[in-house]
């Protein structure tokens, strides 16, 4: 682990709260990750059983405890119990000061600014609290909604990796986008 980092279990800025995933979130993950609109471009899912959802959360918590991955449930502040998605910092390299980022929202909350706000909070965690230097994301070239979200949030396109993502047995090209800490005002 890097010295002088602060691991946040919760952060908020109206209307969004990001909080550490908990074992009790299994039902939310199971129900949300059944939706093919949500999982179409994700490496995980669909999840159809309680057992698979619980196993996923246990893996998330193990990785959190090793400082390899931080998964946050995205909630609406006005409706504390309203969970709308998940955002993650994963594949963290402390030596190189970088992490990959991933986000998904349930479709009822698409195009309402919640993804943008969640990205602002995770950038604050990554660059200010964890002292990372670089965030990157790999987005399927056909995932126009995610490409738009990350570009709107300041991520810069670096190139295309051919057949980089295997999504349910089909290989997809991926756009690599990145954001450096000096490109963000915190």
Protein backbone atom coordinates (compact mmCIF):
# COMPACT_ATOMS: atom_id res chain seq x y z
CA UNK A 1 0.00 0.00 0.00
CA UNK A 2 1.16 3.55 -0.67
CA UNK A 3 1.91 5.74 2.35
CA UNK A 4 -0.19 8.79 3.12
CA UNK A 5 -3.39 7.64 1.48
CA UNK A 6 -6.86 7.92 2.92
CA UNK A 7 -9.35 5.19 2.09
CA UNK A 8 -12.84 6.63 2.14
CA UNK A 9 -15.78 4.36 2.81
CA UNK A 10 -18.26 7.12 1.97
CA UNK A 11 -18.30 10.46 0.19
CA UNK A 12 -21.19 12.63 -0.89
CA UNK A 13 -22.07 15.73 -2.82
CA UNK A 14 -25.71 16.42 -3.53
CA UNK A 15 -27.47 14.54 -4.95
CA UNK A 16 -25.05 11.56 -4.94
CA UNK A 17 -23.56 9.39 -2.20
CA UNK A 18 -20.82 6.86 -2.89
CA UNK A 19 -20.44 4.28 -0.14
CA UNK A 20 -18.45 1.10 0.24
CA UNK A 21 -20.29 -1.95 -1.04
CA UNK A 22 -21.68 -4.09 1.80
CA UNK A 23 -22.81 -7.70 2.07
CA UNK A 24 -26.42 -6.54 2.33
CA UNK A 25 -26.19 -5.09 -1.22
CA UNK A 26 -26.42 -8.56 -2.79
CA UNK A 27 -30.12 -8.18 -3.65
CA UNK A 28 -29.52 -4.86 -5.43
CA UNK A 29 -26.66 -6.34 -7.46
CA UNK A 30 -28.62 -9.46 -8.30
CA UNK A 31 -31.67 -7.52 -9.48
CA UNK A 32 -29.72 -4.81 -11.33
CA UNK A 33 -27.31 -7.17 -13.05
CA UNK A 34 -30.15 -9.26 -14.49
CA UNK A 35 -30.95 -6.38 -16.84
CA UNK A 36 -29.25 -6.86 -20.22
CA UNK A 37 -29.29 -3.08 -20.75
CA UNK A 38 -27.01 -2.78 -17.72
CA UNK A 39 -24.74 -5.75 -18.44
CA UNK A 40 -24.49 -5.45 -22.23
CA UNK A 41 -21.00 -3.92 -22.05
CA UNK A 42 -19.91 -5.19 -18.62
CA UNK A 43 -17.48 -8.01 -17.97
CA UNK A 44 -19.74 -9.20 -15.13
CA UNK A 45 -23.30 -10.43 -15.24
CA UNK A 46 -25.91 -11.16 -15.78
CA UNK A 47 -26.36 -12.41 -12.22
CA UNK A 48 -29.38 -14.65 -11.78
CA UNK A 49 -28.86 -16.11 -8.32
CA UNK A 50 -28.49 -14.83 -4.78
CA UNK A 51 -25.43 -17.06 -4.44
CA UNK A 52 -23.63 -15.45 -7.40
CA UNK A 53 -24.42 -11.93 -6.12
CA UNK A 54 -23.13 -12.78 -2.63
CA UNK A 55 -19.98 -14.32 -4.14
CA UNK A 56 -19.35 -11.15 -6.18
CA UNK A 57 -19.69 -8.94 -3.10
CA UNK A 58 -17.35 -11.20 -1.11
CA UNK A 59 -14.77 -10.87 -3.90
CA UNK A 60 -15.20 -7.08 -3.87
CA UNK A 61 -14.69 -6.94 -0.11
CA UNK A 62 -11.59 -9.17 -0.24
CA UNK A 63 -10.06 -6.92 -2.90
CA UNK A 64 -10.96 -3.82 -0.83
CA UNK A 65 -9.14 -5.26 2.19
CA UNK A 66 -6.05 -5.90 0.05
CA UNK A 67 -6.20 -2.32 -1.37
CA UNK A 68 -6.52 -3.73 -4.91
CA UNK A 69 -10.04 -2.52 -5.72
CA UNK A 70 -12.60 -0.13 -4.25
CA UNK A 71 -16.27 -0.62 -5.14
CA UNK A 72 -18.87 1.97 -4.21
CA UNK A 73 -22.64 1.76 -4.39
CA UNK A 74 -24.11 4.91 -5.91
CA UNK A 75 -27.11 6.20 -3.95
CA UNK A 76 -29.38 9.21 -4.24
CA UNK A 77 -29.00 11.52 -1.26
CA UNK A 78 -32.69 12.43 -1.04
CA UNK A 79 -33.66 8.77 -0.98
CA UNK A 80 -30.86 7.16 1.02
CA UNK A 81 -32.18 3.69 0.32
CA UNK A 82 -32.39 4.32 -3.43
CA UNK A 83 -29.40 2.53 -4.92
CA UNK A 84 -28.87 3.44 -8.57
CA UNK A 85 -25.55 1.90 -9.58
CA UNK A 86 -21.97 1.03 -8.80
CA UNK A 87 -18.62 2.70 -9.48
CA UNK A 88 -15.23 1.08 -9.02
CA UNK A 89 -11.54 1.75 -8.93
CA UNK A 90 -9.88 -1.53 -9.79
CA UNK A 91 -6.69 -3.07 -11.15
CA UNK A 92 -4.85 -0.58 -8.94
CA UNK A 93 -1.08 -0.32 -9.35
CA UNK A 94 0.33 1.60 -6.39
CA UNK A 95 3.80 1.52 -7.89
CA UNK A 96 2.65 3.17 -11.12
CA UNK A 97 0.01 5.33 -9.42
CA UNK A 98 -2.82 4.21 -11.66
CA UNK A 99 -6.18 2.47 -11.59
CA UNK A 100 -8.92 1.49 -13.96
CA UNK A 101 -12.39 2.84 -13.44
CA UNK A 102 -15.79 1.34 -14.16
CA UNK A 103 -19.34 2.53 -13.65
CA UNK A 104 -22.85 1.30 -14.30
CA UNK A 105 -26.28 2.72 -13.52
CA UNK A 106 -29.71 1.17 -13.74
CA UNK A 107 -31.48 2.49 -16.87
CA UNK A 108 -34.07 4.63 -15.04
CA UNK A 109 -31.18 6.90 -13.98
CA UNK A 110 -29.38 7.23 -17.31
CA UNK A 111 -28.93 10.70 -18.85
CA UNK A 112 -29.82 12.57 -15.64
CA UNK A 113 -26.33 13.69 -14.63
CA UNK A 114 -25.86 11.05 -11.93
CA UNK A 115 -23.03 9.28 -13.76
CA UNK A 116 -21.19 12.56 -14.24
CA UNK A 117 -21.56 13.42 -10.54
CA UNK A 118 -20.41 9.93 -9.47
CA UNK A 119 -17.33 10.28 -11.68
CA UNK A 120 -16.53 13.64 -10.08
CA UNK A 121 -16.60 12.02 -6.63
CA UNK A 122 -14.53 8.99 -7.64
CA UNK A 123 -11.93 11.31 -9.21
CA UNK A 124 -11.71 13.12 -5.86
CA UNK A 125 -11.17 9.79 -4.10
CA UNK A 126 -8.60 8.62 -6.65
CA UNK A 127 -6.51 11.75 -6.99
CA UNK A 128 -6.87 13.52 -3.65
CA UNK A 129 -7.33 10.69 -1.13
CA UNK A 130 -5.55 7.76 -2.80
CA UNK A 131 -2.89 9.98 -4.41
CA UNK A 132 -3.13 8.21 -7.78
CA UNK A 133 -1.62 9.78 -10.88
CA UNK A 134 -3.71 8.24 -13.67
CA UNK A 135 -7.17 6.80 -14.21
CA UNK A 136 -8.03 4.81 -17.31
CA UNK A 137 -11.05 3.11 -18.74
CA UNK A 138 -11.59 0.64 -21.57
CA UNK A 139 -14.95 1.17 -23.27
CA UNK A 140 -16.40 -1.01 -26.04
CA UNK A 141 -16.38 1.05 -29.24
CA UNK A 142 -20.12 0.45 -29.65
CA UNK A 143 -20.90 1.80 -26.17
CA UNK A 144 -21.61 5.38 -27.25
CA UNK A 145 -23.30 6.32 -23.95
CA UNK A 146 -20.20 5.46 -21.86
CA UNK A 147 -17.81 7.08 -24.33
CA UNK A 148 -19.84 10.29 -24.13
CA UNK A 149 -19.90 10.17 -20.30
CA UNK A 150 -16.15 9.73 -19.91
CA UNK A 151 -15.26 12.35 -22.53
CA UNK A 152 -17.69 14.80 -20.87
CA UNK A 153 -15.88 14.09 -17.58
CA UNK A 154 -12.49 15.07 -19.02
CA UNK A 155 -11.11 11.69 -20.07
CA UNK A 156 -8.95 11.80 -23.20
CA UNK A 157 -9.11 9.16 -25.90
CA UNK A 158 -5.74 7.46 -26.40
CA UNK A 159 -6.52 4.79 -28.97
CA UNK A 160 -8.34 1.58 -29.78
CA UNK A 161 -7.39 -1.89 -28.60
CA UNK A 162 -8.52 -4.49 -31.10
CA UNK A 163 -10.61 -7.39 -29.75
CA UNK A 164 -9.73 -6.33 -26.20
CA UNK A 165 -13.02 -7.14 -24.45
CA UNK A 166 -14.62 -10.57 -24.40
CA UNK A 167 -18.27 -9.92 -23.60
CA UNK A 168 -20.23 -13.15 -23.31
CA UNK A 169 -18.16 -14.95 -25.92
CA UNK A 170 -17.86 -12.11 -28.45
CA UNK A 171 -14.72 -10.02 -28.78
CA UNK A 172 -15.10 -6.24 -28.98
CA UNK A 173 -12.67 -3.45 -29.75
CA UNK A 174 -12.17 -1.04 -26.84
CA UNK A 175 -11.40 2.65 -26.73
CA UNK A 176 -8.79 3.52 -24.10
CA UNK A 177 -9.44 6.81 -22.32
CA UNK A 178 -7.40 8.31 -19.51
CA UNK A 179 -7.32 11.19 -17.08
CA UNK A 180 -4.24 12.45 -15.25
CA UNK A 181 -4.29 14.07 -11.83
CA UNK A 182 -2.84 17.32 -13.17
CA UNK A 183 -5.81 17.60 -15.56
CA UNK A 184 -8.28 17.78 -12.68
CA UNK A 185 -9.02 20.73 -10.44
CA UNK A 186 -9.51 19.38 -6.90
